[in-house]
Amino acid sequence: MKQQEFFSSRWALIIATVGIAVGTGNIWRFSRIVAKNGGGSFLIPWVIFLLIWSVPLIIAEFAIGKSTRMGPVGAFAKIGGKKYGWMGAFVVFVATAIMFYYSVVTGWCLRYFFSAVSGDLFKAVDYEIYWNQFASGYQPLLFHFISISFVAYVVMKGITKGIERVTKILVPSLLVILLILFVRAVTLPNAVEGLKYFFTPDINVILDYKVWLNALTQNAWDTGAGWGLILAYAIYMKNTEDISLNAALIGFGNNSISILAGITIFSTVFALVPNSDIAMKQITQSGPANTGLTFIYLPLLFSKMSGSSAVNLFFASIFFLALFFAAFTSLISMVELSTRTLTDFGFKRKRSIAIVACIGFLLGIPSAIDLRFLANQDWVWGVGLILSGAFFAFILWKYGIDKFRKEVINGAGSDIKIGKWYNYVIGILIPIQVVILISWWLISSVSWDPEWWNPFHAENAGTAIFQWATVLTVFILANKYIVKRTLNKNNS
């Protein structure tokens, strides 16, 4: 099957791909993880893991997508051999399972934007009660439907007229909004205390292995590396475009936005909460489904940002608009990945999008009506992303990492040649990181849940292993069929 549609330019591709990487995790999760792991001390391992996890995997995704012009199932079968298409299917499933509840989160952001614009948000007496009333009602379901429907419409319009056109508007707008919030935050009285905490390292904290593990986790989750999403967009990149430069721009661009958001959050909290202990408690409070900082404490802080309620409403409104833009652009890529997988399988594009949208809405309903279910899915498939990253490294190993580097990464359109260091990162460092990280997360879950083996608990080893094993078993058994159909449809 000859590739018919491409991004119109390198910058269109980069902007769209930055939209994948920059999501709600850059804004609410990043600040919370930094606060729980020593502030400035966290940033050092975080940058290191950008270089030895995120960027190498982003390079791999770009190269695989560009060279095979297929989604993960067909791409893995072509690169690693037909026996390993199930690995690509697992990659797709993990991102799709995240899509189910991420659409719900996108809806939350949209609802809070409307609430801020209308002024209803600042009428609340207790923001935790306000959140609980919203989360327990019908509105999350309604806004989940709106989010998945709008995203399906964008993907239906195609790459240039849909995804490219929308991300060209939303991603720069997100950056402008964050810059406005940044300027306001750093000019608040006492904001410098937040900046000191955010950028001052402590050698004792840096030596704590848990800080390093959390830094690796944050990089694995917030750059989009190893999700298969970047691979899906790379299918539409032109042959003349460089892989390595694009990967570096996306990785460093994503982390730069995280830092911008972190400065904004820390400056705001330390400026408006006089007691530093209370400020830290508010930043690190996860709340239901990790929402505490964003949907409970930040609205309270925005209400105190100045003496003018109109000004406060403005900043609250653009904050939640930025959050919605970040979530929306990430959700687009998840829908596109699922859609591309179905089109590779032989379905027409419009029918594929309809199937993805309908299933996305239906399987997102449990997360919309029950935060415990959402937390479970976030735990299982969030940690499952590490397995996805491992599968990318394995496929390159099967192909021959050095051969892949020379022939594919440094092939046509390559402006920057990648050296032998890449072989060691993919062949040695990535597997080591995978084993350590998954082992740590699962063993840690044993310490907080005596019934760690119980697959029906929300966040433990048992529920993750049970759900992974179920999905992997299905794909391994169906591997021959899904690979044969995918490759036959694309060769016809």
Protein backbone atom coordinates (compact mmCIF):
# COMPACT_ATOMS: atom_id res chain seq x y z
CA MET A 1 0.00 0.00 0.00
CA LYS A 2 1.58 3.26 -1.14
CA GLN A 3 1.56 6.08 1.41
CA GLN A 4 -0.72 8.81 0.00
CA GLU A 5 -0.80 11.51 2.69
CA PHE A 6 2.03 13.35 4.46
CA PHE A 7 2.48 16.22 6.90
CA SER A 8 3.02 19.35 4.81
CA SER A 9 6.31 20.30 6.46
CA ARG A 10 8.80 19.32 9.15
CA TRP A 11 7.41 21.94 11.53
CA ALA A 12 3.88 20.67 11.02
CA LEU A 13 5.08 17.19 12.00
CA ILE A 14 7.06 18.48 15.00
CA ILE A 15 4.17 20.59 16.28
CA ALA A 16 1.77 17.66 15.96
CA THR A 17 4.21 15.33 17.69
CA VAL A 18 4.88 17.83 20.48
CA GLY A 19 1.10 17.74 20.91
CA ILE A 20 1.45 14.00 21.62
CA ALA A 21 4.13 14.47 24.24
CA VAL A 22 2.67 17.49 26.01
CA GLY A 23 -0.34 16.34 27.97
CA THR A 24 -1.94 16.85 31.34
CA GLY A 25 0.94 14.95 32.95
CA ASN A 26 3.32 17.81 32.11
CA ILE A 27 1.16 20.22 34.07
CA TRP A 28 -0.34 18.36 37.02
CA ARG A 29 1.73 15.19 37.45
CA PHE A 30 5.16 16.70 36.85
CA SER A 31 4.90 19.31 39.61
CA ARG A 32 3.56 16.76 42.10
CA ILE A 33 6.36 14.27 41.35
CA VAL A 34 9.01 17.02 41.60
CA ALA A 35 7.65 18.10 45.00
CA LYS A 36 7.64 14.53 46.31
CA ASN A 37 11.21 13.91 45.13
CA GLY A 38 13.28 16.78 46.40
CA GLY A 39 12.54 19.66 44.03
CA GLY A 40 15.67 20.63 42.13
CA SER A 41 17.31 17.32 43.02
CA PHE A 42 14.76 15.53 40.85
CA LEU A 43 15.60 17.54 37.74
CA ILE A 44 19.10 16.08 37.37
CA PRO A 45 18.13 12.39 36.93
CA TRP A 46 15.05 13.53 35.01
CA VAL A 47 17.25 15.13 32.33
CA ILE A 48 19.61 12.13 32.30
CA PHE A 49 16.74 9.72 31.63
CA LEU A 50 15.50 11.99 28.85
CA LEU A 51 18.78 11.15 27.10
CA ILE A 52 18.96 7.41 27.87
CA TRP A 53 15.26 6.48 27.67
CA SER A 54 12.99 8.99 25.96
CA VAL A 55 15.05 10.33 23.06
CA PRO A 56 16.41 6.90 21.97
CA LEU A 57 12.88 5.43 21.94
CA ILE A 58 11.48 8.46 20.12
CA ILE A 59 14.22 7.98 17.49
CA ALA A 60 13.18 4.32 17.20
CA GLU A 61 9.51 5.21 16.75
CA PHE A 62 10.25 7.80 14.07
CA ALA A 63 12.53 5.41 12.20
CA ILE A 64 10.11 2.45 12.36
CA GLY A 65 7.09 4.50 11.29
CA LYS A 66 8.95 6.23 8.46
CA SER A 67 10.52 3.05 7.09
CA THR A 68 7.53 0.67 7.31
CA ARG A 69 4.62 3.12 6.75
CA MET A 70 2.53 0.88 9.00
CA GLY A 71 1.09 0.90 12.50
CA PRO A 72 2.81 -1.09 15.29
CA VAL A 73 1.38 -4.52 14.36
CA GLY A 74 2.62 -4.48 10.77
CA ALA A 75 5.74 -2.52 11.66
CA PHE A 76 6.85 -4.99 14.32
CA ALA A 77 6.17 -7.91 11.97
CA LYS A 78 8.28 -6.28 9.25
CA ILE A 79 11.15 -5.20 11.48
CA GLY A 80 11.38 -8.09 13.94
CA GLY A 81 9.67 -10.91 12.07
CA LYS A 82 6.11 -12.17 11.73
CA LYS A 83 6.30 -14.02 15.05
CA TYR A 84 6.38 -10.70 16.91
CA GLY A 85 3.34 -8.86 15.59
CA TRP A 86 1.68 -9.53 18.96
CA MET A 87 4.15 -7.14 20.56
CA GLY A 88 2.94 -4.36 18.28
CA ALA A 89 -0.65 -5.29 19.12
CA PHE A 90 0.15 -4.96 22.82
CA VAL A 91 1.69 -1.52 22.23
CA VAL A 92 -1.51 -0.43 20.46
CA PHE A 93 -3.73 -1.90 23.16
CA VAL A 94 -1.89 -0.13 25.99
CA ALA A 95 -2.23 3.27 24.31
CA THR A 96 -5.87 2.52 23.44
CA ALA A 97 -6.67 1.45 27.01
CA ILE A 98 -5.20 4.75 28.18
CA MET A 99 -7.33 6.52 25.56
CA PHE A 100 -10.51 5.17 27.18
CA TYR A 101 -9.95 7.04 30.44
CA TYR A 102 -7.86 9.88 29.00
CA SER A 103 -10.94 11.03 27.12
CA VAL A 104 -12.67 11.28 30.50
CA VAL A 105 -9.79 13.41 31.87
CA THR A 106 -9.98 15.61 28.77
CA GLY A 107 -13.65 16.12 29.54
CA TRP A 108 -12.84 17.16 33.10
CA CYS A 109 -10.52 19.87 31.77
CA LEU A 110 -13.19 21.15 29.37
CA ARG A 111 -15.84 21.19 32.10
CA TYR A 112 -13.60 23.19 34.47
CA PHE A 113 -12.80 25.64 31.68
CA PHE A 114 -16.52 26.30 31.17
CA SER A 115 -16.97 26.53 34.93
CA ALA A 116 -14.20 29.12 35.21
CA VAL A 117 -15.42 31.21 32.27
CA SER A 118 -18.96 31.30 33.65
CA GLY A 119 -17.74 32.27 37.12
CA ASP A 120 -19.40 29.22 38.64
CA LEU A 121 -16.03 27.85 39.77
CA PHE A 122 -15.36 30.71 42.19
CA LYS A 123 -18.79 30.42 43.77
CA ALA A 124 -17.71 27.17 45.42
CA VAL A 125 -17.19 27.27 49.19
CA ASP A 126 -15.23 24.03 49.35
CA TYR A 127 -13.39 22.93 46.19
CA GLU A 128 -13.09 19.32 47.31
CA ILE A 129 -16.87 19.11 47.71
CA TYR A 130 -17.25 20.90 44.36
CA TRP A 131 -15.02 18.30 42.71
CA ASN A 132 -16.76 15.36 44.38
CA GLN A 133 -20.19 16.59 43.31
CA PHE A 134 -18.99 16.94 39.73
CA ALA A 135 -17.17 13.59 39.66
CA SER A 136 -20.11 11.67 41.12
CA GLY A 137 -22.70 13.13 38.74
CA TYR A 138 -23.56 12.63 35.07
CA GLN A 139 -21.37 15.46 33.72
CA PRO A 140 -18.10 13.46 33.40
CA LEU A 141 -19.96 11.09 31.07
CA LEU A 142 -21.32 13.99 29.01
CA PHE A 143 -17.93 15.69 28.64
CA HIS A 144 -16.26 12.35 27.89
CA PHE A 145 -18.71 11.98 24.98
CA ILE A 146 -18.00 15.53 23.78
CA SER A 147 -14.22 14.99 23.93
CA ILE A 148 -14.11 11.69 22.05
CA SER A 149 -16.59 13.02 19.47
CA PHE A 150 -14.59 16.18 18.75
CA VAL A 151 -11.35 14.22 18.47
CA ALA A 152 -12.95 11.68 16.12
CA TYR A 153 -14.13 14.56 13.92
CA VAL A 154 -10.58 15.98 13.75
CA VAL A 155 -9.07 12.59 12.86
CA MET A 156 -11.86 12.04 10.28
CA LYS A 157 -10.67 15.16 8.42
CA GLY A 158 -7.31 13.50 7.77
CA ILE A 159 -3.68 14.38 8.46
CA THR A 160 -3.26 17.79 6.82
CA LYS A 161 -6.83 19.07 7.03
CA GLY A 162 -7.52 17.61 10.46
CA ILE A 163 -4.63 16.72 12.76
CA GLU A 164 -2.11 19.17 11.30
CA ARG A 165 -4.53 22.10 11.10
CA VAL A 166 -5.82 21.65 14.66
CA THR A 167 -2.44 21.05 16.30
CA LYS A 168 -0.99 24.10 14.52
CA ILE A 169 -3.57 26.15 16.41
CA LEU A 170 -3.74 24.34 19.76
CA VAL A 171 -0.04 23.66 20.48
CA PRO A 172 1.17 27.28 19.92
CA SER A 173 -1.91 28.53 21.81
CA LEU A 174 -1.03 26.22 24.70
CA LEU A 175 2.50 27.62 24.76
CA VAL A 176 1.25 31.23 24.71
CA ILE A 177 -1.16 30.55 27.58
CA LEU A 178 1.56 28.88 29.64
CA LEU A 179 3.84 31.86 29.02
CA ILE A 180 1.13 34.26 30.21
CA LEU A 181 0.60 32.18 33.36
CA PHE A 182 4.38 31.93 33.82
CA VAL A 183 4.86 35.70 33.71
CA ARG A 184 2.03 36.25 36.20
CA ALA A 185 3.30 33.53 38.51
CA VAL A 186 6.93 34.69 38.74
CA THR A 187 5.84 38.28 39.39
CA LEU A 188 3.76 37.32 42.43
CA PRO A 189 5.19 38.33 45.83
CA ASN A 190 7.33 35.54 47.35
CA ALA A 191 7.36 33.58 44.08
CA VAL A 192 11.14 33.39 44.39
CA GLU A 193 10.74 30.86 47.23
CA GLY A 194 9.06 28.48 44.82
CA LEU A 195 11.82 29.00 42.26
CA LYS A 196 14.48 28.30 44.90
CA TYR A 197 12.84 25.00 45.80
CA PHE A 198 12.30 24.04 42.18
CA PHE A 199 15.89 24.63 41.08
CA THR A 200 18.01 23.97 44.20
CA PRO A 201 19.46 20.44 44.32
CA ASP A 202 20.33 18.57 47.53
CA ILE A 203 23.13 16.01 47.23
CA ASN A 204 21.53 13.77 49.87
CA VAL A 205 18.29 13.62 47.90
CA ILE A 206 20.10 12.99 44.63
CA LEU A 207 21.68 9.88 46.16
CA ASP A 208 18.23 8.41 46.96
CA TYR A 209 17.50 5.63 44.45
CA LYS A 210 13.75 6.31 44.63
CA VAL A 211 14.29 9.78 43.16
CA TRP A 212 16.01 8.20 40.15
CA LEU A 213 13.27 5.63 39.71
CA ASN A 214 10.59 8.31 39.81
CA ALA A 215 12.59 10.41 37.33
CA LEU A 216 12.70 7.47 34.92
CA THR A 217 8.99 6.87 35.42
CA GLN A 218 8.11 10.49 34.71
CA ASN A 219 10.17 10.47 31.51
CA ALA A 220 8.57 7.23 30.37
CA TRP A 221 5.08 8.63 30.92
CA ASP A 222 5.24 12.26 29.85
CA THR A 223 7.28 12.22 26.62
CA GLY A 224 5.15 9.66 24.81
CA ALA A 225 8.25 7.53 24.13
CA GLY A 226 7.42 3.88 23.54
CA TRP A 227 3.65 4.44 23.30
CA GLY A 228 3.46 3.86 19.54
CA LEU A 229 1.86 7.29 19.09
CA ILE A 230 4.94 8.89 17.55
CA LEU A 231 5.27 5.87 15.25
CA ALA A 232 1.72 6.50 14.03
CA TYR A 233 2.55 10.12 13.10
CA ALA A 234 5.93 9.13 11.61
CA ILE A 235 4.04 7.12 8.99
CA TYR A 236 3.12 10.48 7.48
CA MET A 237 6.58 12.11 7.53
CA LYS A 238 8.33 12.75 4.24
CA ASN A 239 11.33 10.67 3.17
CA THR A 240 13.55 13.76 3.13
CA GLU A 241 12.99 14.58 6.82
CA ASP A 242 15.60 13.86 9.47
CA ILE A 243 14.72 11.41 12.24
CA SER A 244 17.29 12.29 14.91
CA LEU A 245 16.75 16.05 14.87
CA ASN A 246 12.98 15.65 15.08
CA ALA A 247 13.34 13.28 18.04
CA ALA A 248 15.64 15.67 19.90
CA LEU A 249 13.34 18.63 19.29
CA ILE A 250 10.34 16.73 20.61
CA GLY A 251 12.10 15.34 23.68
CA PHE A 252 13.65 18.63 24.74
CA GLY A 253 10.55 20.59 23.73
CA ASN A 254 8.37 18.41 25.92
CA ASN A 255 10.67 18.72 28.93
CA SER A 256 10.96 22.49 28.43
CA ILE A 257 7.18 22.80 28.67
CA SER A 258 7.24 20.67 31.83
CA ILE A 259 9.77 23.07 33.37
CA LEU A 260 7.67 26.07 32.30
CA ALA A 261 4.60 24.52 33.94
CA GLY A 262 6.62 23.59 37.03
CA ILE A 263 7.89 27.13 37.50
CA THR A 264 4.32 28.40 37.18
CA ILE A 265 2.89 25.92 39.70
CA PHE A 266 5.65 26.29 42.32
CA SER A 267 5.77 30.09 42.04
CA THR A 268 2.00 30.34 42.40
CA VAL A 269 1.70 27.97 45.35
CA PHE A 270 4.64 29.37 47.33
CA ALA A 271 3.50 32.94 46.64
CA LEU A 272 -0.12 32.45 47.72
CA VAL A 273 0.40 29.98 50.58
CA PRO A 274 2.56 31.69 53.26
CA ASN A 275 3.44 28.48 55.11
CA SER A 276 5.90 26.43 53.05
CA ASP A 277 4.86 23.15 54.71
CA ILE A 278 1.24 23.74 53.73
CA ALA A 279 2.35 24.76 50.23
CA MET A 280 4.27 21.51 49.82
CA LYS A 281 1.31 19.51 51.11
CA GLN A 282 -0.95 21.10 48.50
CA ILE A 283 1.45 20.39 45.64
CA THR A 284 2.07 16.77 46.64
CA GLN A 285 -1.55 15.95 47.46
CA SER A 286 -2.70 13.51 44.80
CA GLY A 287 -6.39 13.53 45.60
CA PRO A 288 -8.84 11.19 43.86
CA ALA A 289 -7.24 9.77 40.72
CA ASN A 290 -4.25 12.13 41.17
CA THR A 291 -6.45 15.18 40.64
CA GLY A 292 -5.98 16.98 43.94
CA LEU A 293 -3.59 19.71 42.84
CA THR A 294 -5.33 20.56 39.59
CA PHE A 295 -9.03 20.36 40.40
CA ILE A 296 -9.08 21.05 44.14
CA TYR A 297 -6.17 23.27 45.21
CA LEU A 298 -5.37 25.34 42.12
CA PRO A 299 -8.92 26.75 41.79
CA LEU A 300 -8.57 27.89 45.41
CA LEU A 301 -5.23 29.55 44.63
CA PHE A 302 -6.53 31.23 41.48
CA SER A 303 -9.34 32.78 43.55
CA LYS A 304 -6.65 34.49 45.65
CA MET A 305 -4.29 35.52 42.86
CA SER A 306 -5.27 39.19 42.95
CA GLY A 307 -7.83 41.55 44.44
CA SER A 308 -9.85 41.49 41.23
CA SER A 309 -12.25 38.60 40.73
CA ALA A 310 -12.31 39.30 36.97
CA VAL A 311 -8.53 38.93 36.76
CA ASN A 312 -8.65 35.76 38.84
CA LEU A 313 -11.33 34.31 36.56
CA PHE A 314 -9.22 35.15 33.53
CA PHE A 315 -6.17 33.27 34.82
CA ALA A 316 -8.24 30.29 35.99
CA SER A 317 -9.99 30.17 32.61
CA ILE A 318 -6.83 30.19 30.52
CA PHE A 319 -5.19 27.63 32.82
CA PHE A 320 -7.97 25.11 32.29
CA LEU A 321 -8.08 25.99 28.60
CA ALA A 322 -4.36 25.16 28.38
CA LEU A 323 -4.97 21.93 30.24
CA PHE A 324 -7.76 21.04 27.80
CA PHE A 325 -5.55 21.84 24.77
CA ALA A 326 -2.77 19.62 26.19
CA ALA A 327 -5.18 16.74 26.79
CA PHE A 328 -6.98 17.16 23.46
CA THR A 329 -3.84 17.03 21.29
CA SER A 330 -2.63 13.91 23.12
CA LEU A 331 -6.04 12.29 22.73
CA ILE A 332 -5.95 12.96 18.97
CA SER A 333 -2.80 10.84 18.65
CA MET A 334 -4.35 7.96 20.60
CA VAL A 335 -7.38 7.90 18.32
CA GLU A 336 -5.14 8.13 15.24
CA LEU A 337 -3.03 5.17 16.43
CA SER A 338 -6.11 2.98 16.94
CA THR A 339 -7.55 4.14 13.62
CA ARG A 340 -4.35 3.42 11.71
CA THR A 341 -4.18 -0.07 13.22
CA LEU A 342 -7.68 -0.83 11.94
CA THR A 343 -6.96 0.59 8.47
CA ASP A 344 -3.83 -1.58 8.31
CA PHE A 345 -6.13 -4.48 9.19
CA GLY A 346 -8.26 -3.74 6.13
CA PHE A 347 -11.03 -1.41 7.34
CA LYS A 348 -11.81 1.83 5.50
CA ARG A 349 -10.59 4.92 7.37
CA LYS A 350 -14.03 6.42 8.07
CA ARG A 351 -15.35 3.13 9.36
CA SER A 352 -12.23 2.68 11.49
CA ILE A 353 -12.70 6.08 13.10
CA ALA A 354 -16.36 5.33 13.81
CA ILE A 355 -15.41 2.04 15.45
CA VAL A 356 -12.68 3.67 17.56
CA ALA A 357 -14.95 6.51 18.64
CA CYS A 358 -17.83 4.22 19.62
CA ILE A 359 -15.64 1.73 21.47
CA GLY A 360 -13.68 4.60 23.03
CA PHE A 361 -16.88 6.11 24.41
CA LEU A 362 -18.37 2.82 25.62
CA LEU A 363 -15.22 1.52 27.30
CA GLY A 364 -14.57 4.94 28.82
CA ILE A 365 -17.93 4.90 30.62
CA PRO A 366 -16.65 2.91 33.66
CA SER A 367 -13.89 5.49 34.23
CA ALA A 368 -16.37 8.34 33.80
CA ILE A 369 -18.68 7.04 36.51
CA ASP A 370 -16.18 5.47 38.93
CA LEU A 371 -12.86 7.09 39.88
CA ARG A 372 -11.65 3.82 41.39
CA PHE A 373 -11.92 2.13 37.99
CA LEU A 374 -10.07 5.04 36.36
CA ALA A 375 -7.30 4.79 38.98
CA ASN A 376 -7.01 1.05 38.29
CA GLN A 377 -6.67 1.54 34.54
CA ASP A 378 -4.19 4.37 35.02
CA TRP A 379 -2.08 2.10 37.23
CA VAL A 380 -2.22 -1.02 35.03
CA TRP A 381 -1.61 0.59 31.64
CA GLY A 382 0.61 3.39 32.94
CA VAL A 383 3.08 0.80 34.21
CA GLY A 384 2.34 -1.25 31.08
CA LEU A 385 3.96 1.50 29.01
CA ILE A 386 7.30 0.30 30.32
CA LEU A 387 6.63 -3.06 28.67
CA SER A 388 5.81 -1.22 25.45
CA GLY A 389 9.20 0.49 25.58
CA ALA A 390 10.84 -2.90 26.15
CA PHE A 391 9.14 -4.33 23.08
CA PHE A 392 10.50 -1.50 20.89
CA ALA A 393 14.03 -2.24 22.13
CA PHE A 394 13.53 -5.98 21.53
CA ILE A 395 12.33 -5.48 17.95
CA LEU A 396 15.41 -3.40 17.15
CA TRP A 397 17.58 -6.11 18.70
CA LYS A 398 15.91 -8.76 16.50
CA TYR A 399 16.53 -6.67 13.40
CA GLY A 400 20.07 -5.85 14.47
CA ILE A 401 20.55 -2.57 16.33
CA ASP A 402 23.69 -1.54 14.48
CA LYS A 403 22.11 -2.46 11.14
CA PHE A 404 18.96 -0.52 12.05
CA ARG A 405 21.02 2.51 13.07
CA LYS A 406 23.05 2.55 9.86
CA GLU A 407 20.34 1.64 7.34
CA VAL A 408 17.19 3.20 8.79
CA ILE A 409 18.03 5.96 11.30
CA ASN A 410 21.04 7.24 9.32
CA GLY A 411 19.41 6.49 5.97
CA ALA A 412 17.55 8.74 3.52
CA GLY A 413 16.94 12.28 4.76
CA SER A 414 19.37 11.98 7.67
CA ASP A 415 20.98 15.32 8.55
CA ILE A 416 22.47 14.20 11.87
CA LYS A 417 24.14 10.79 12.03
CA ILE A 418 23.60 8.75 15.18
CA GLY A 419 26.75 7.07 16.53
CA LYS A 420 27.43 3.71 18.15
CA TRP A 421 26.29 5.00 21.54
CA TYR A 422 22.76 4.24 20.34
CA ASN A 423 23.55 0.52 20.14
CA TYR A 424 24.48 0.41 23.82
CA VAL A 425 21.52 2.48 24.98
CA ILE A 426 18.94 0.35 23.14
CA GLY A 427 20.71 -2.98 23.65
CA ILE A 428 21.80 -2.60 27.27
CA LEU A 429 20.51 0.48 29.11
CA ILE A 430 16.86 0.30 28.02
CA PRO A 431 16.45 -3.38 29.07
CA ILE A 432 18.14 -2.69 32.43
CA GLN A 433 15.82 0.26 33.04
CA VAL A 434 12.78 -1.84 32.14
CA VAL A 435 13.66 -4.66 34.54
CA ILE A 436 14.48 -2.29 37.41
CA LEU A 437 11.44 -0.08 36.92
CA ILE A 438 8.80 -2.79 36.55
CA SER A 439 10.30 -4.78 39.43
CA TRP A 440 10.32 -1.69 41.65
CA TRP A 441 6.74 -0.72 40.88
CA LEU A 442 5.36 -4.22 41.39
CA ILE A 443 7.42 -4.96 44.51
CA SER A 444 6.46 -1.58 45.97
CA SER A 445 2.80 -2.45 45.48
CA VAL A 446 3.31 -5.47 47.75
CA SER A 447 4.30 -3.16 50.60
CA TRP A 448 1.05 -1.17 50.46
CA ASP A 449 -1.29 -4.10 49.73
CA PRO A 450 -1.01 -7.30 51.79
CA GLU A 451 -3.19 -9.00 49.16
CA TRP A 452 -0.78 -8.00 46.38
CA TRP A 453 -1.80 -11.07 44.37
CA ASN A 454 -5.51 -10.12 44.25
CA PRO A 455 -6.37 -9.08 40.67
CA PHE A 456 -9.50 -7.24 41.83
CA HIS A 457 -7.70 -4.61 43.90
CA ALA A 458 -7.26 -1.16 42.39
CA GLU A 459 -3.48 -0.69 42.41
CA ASN A 460 -1.27 -3.70 43.11
CA ALA A 461 0.92 -6.27 41.38
CA GLY A 462 -1.92 -8.76 41.00
CA THR A 463 -4.25 -6.54 38.98
CA ALA A 464 -1.46 -5.41 36.64
CA ILE A 465 -0.09 -8.90 36.00
CA PHE A 466 -3.57 -10.38 35.51
CA GLN A 467 -4.64 -7.76 32.95
CA TRP A 468 -1.31 -7.81 31.11
CA ALA A 469 -1.33 -11.61 30.97
CA THR A 470 -4.90 -11.70 29.66
CA VAL A 471 -4.20 -9.26 26.83
CA LEU A 472 -0.84 -10.82 25.94
CA THR A 473 -2.33 -14.32 25.82
CA VAL A 474 -5.06 -13.21 23.41
CA PHE A 475 -2.60 -11.46 21.09
CA ILE A 476 -0.04 -14.29 21.14
CA LEU A 477 -2.73 -16.84 20.25
CA ALA A 478 -4.12 -14.56 17.51
CA ASN A 479 -0.70 -13.46 16.25
CA LYS A 480 -0.66 -15.50 13.04
CA TYR A 481 -4.09 -14.23 12.00
CA ILE A 482 -3.59 -10.54 12.79
CA VAL A 483 -0.15 -10.43 11.18
CA LYS A 484 -1.26 -12.29 8.04
CA ARG A 485 -4.29 -10.04 7.57
CA THR A 486 -2.33 -6.85 8.28
CA LEU A 487 0.53 -7.64 5.89
CA ASN A 488 -1.78 -9.02 3.17
CA LYS A 489 -3.99 -5.93 3.21
CA ASN A 490 -0.96 -3.65 2.95
CA ASN A 491 0.63 -5.65 0.14
CA SER A 492 -2.53 -5.79 -1.93
